[in-house]
Amino acid sequence: MDPDFLNAFTQPSTLDQFLTEDVIAKGEKRKLIKPTSSNNPKLEELKLFLTEWINRTLKEEHIVVKSLEEDLYDGLVLHHLLENLGLLKLDVDKIALTEKKQRQKLSVILEAVAKCLQLEESQLKWSVESIFAKDLLSTLHLLVAIAKHFEPTLALPPSVQVETITIETTSRGLKTSNAVEYITEKKENIEAQSKDDAFDELFSRAPDKLDAVKKVLLQFVDQHVGKLGLNVKDIESQFSDGVILLLLIGQLEGYFLNLRYFFLTPASTMEMLHNVNLALELLAEGDLLNFPVNSE
């Protein structure tokens, strides 16, 4: 048996639990937070922060969360949280009493999260099984992703990291590997993103030149989206729904954005936010955006 596995668990009961076939089936992998990280002050700070954020968000619905992994596994709180944050209407029952119904509900919810966050399956740091199994690491990754997407200005505790152990059952026994995993961004990355850029300097030091810069930008935008038969006259109003921005990105980067991925004629705030979020993600993926922007 891998000695790291024995070192990872100090309580015999915990070790016995993970030696049973019911917990880890042959060929299955499980990633867990080591007990040595369980009392990490930064981890506790993040758990408390997310708990208070959820309770604050759902205060009017009289929902109180005390334990993240214990209270979120069945999808009930996640359902209310997503409807409250993103105005999402999910086609699931408010209350699911049986384990089968709870799994089905959680599956629909996590599918909606992945779609809303524009994440492929390979990018997900959680699954239906891990959330339903009350896995703390997966639950934290899920909540941090939701918080960053719907409330990008939320000041999450930075540089929260944990020691993890990945356990896999093989024909030769248990195989383990250790790693250090970040749950929230490093502090230095956040500080670098928050530094003033050229436009911050313009607003603070040369506001009299703002109109001239806006005029040049309008000419630039008009030159490119004009090829699509569009005319841009006002930056504030015409960029607010994300359509012009998405079309401009497509023109500048030389690709066609499939109409299935965005709303060409958005009819609600949710659809507008979807467009803006998609534009920001495209800019970030192209290394054209290296600081946080509040889509709202």
Foldseek 3Di string as FASTA:
>chain_A
DDVVLVVQDDDVVVVVVVQDCVVAPAQGKDKAFGPVCVPPPLVVVLQVLLQVVLCVLCVVVVDHDDGQLVPPLQPLSLQVNCCSQQVDDFPADNDDDDPVNSLVNLQSSVVVVCLLLVHDPVPQPADNVCSNVSGPLNSLLSSVSVCCLRPVVDDRREDDKTKMKMWHQYPVGIDIDIDIDGSHHHPVLQVVQPDDDPVNCCVVPPVVCVVVVVVVVLVVLCVQCVVVVDHDDDDPPVPLQLQSLVSSCCRVVVHDDDCVQAPNDDDDPSRSLSNQSVSVVVCVVVVNRRHDDDSD
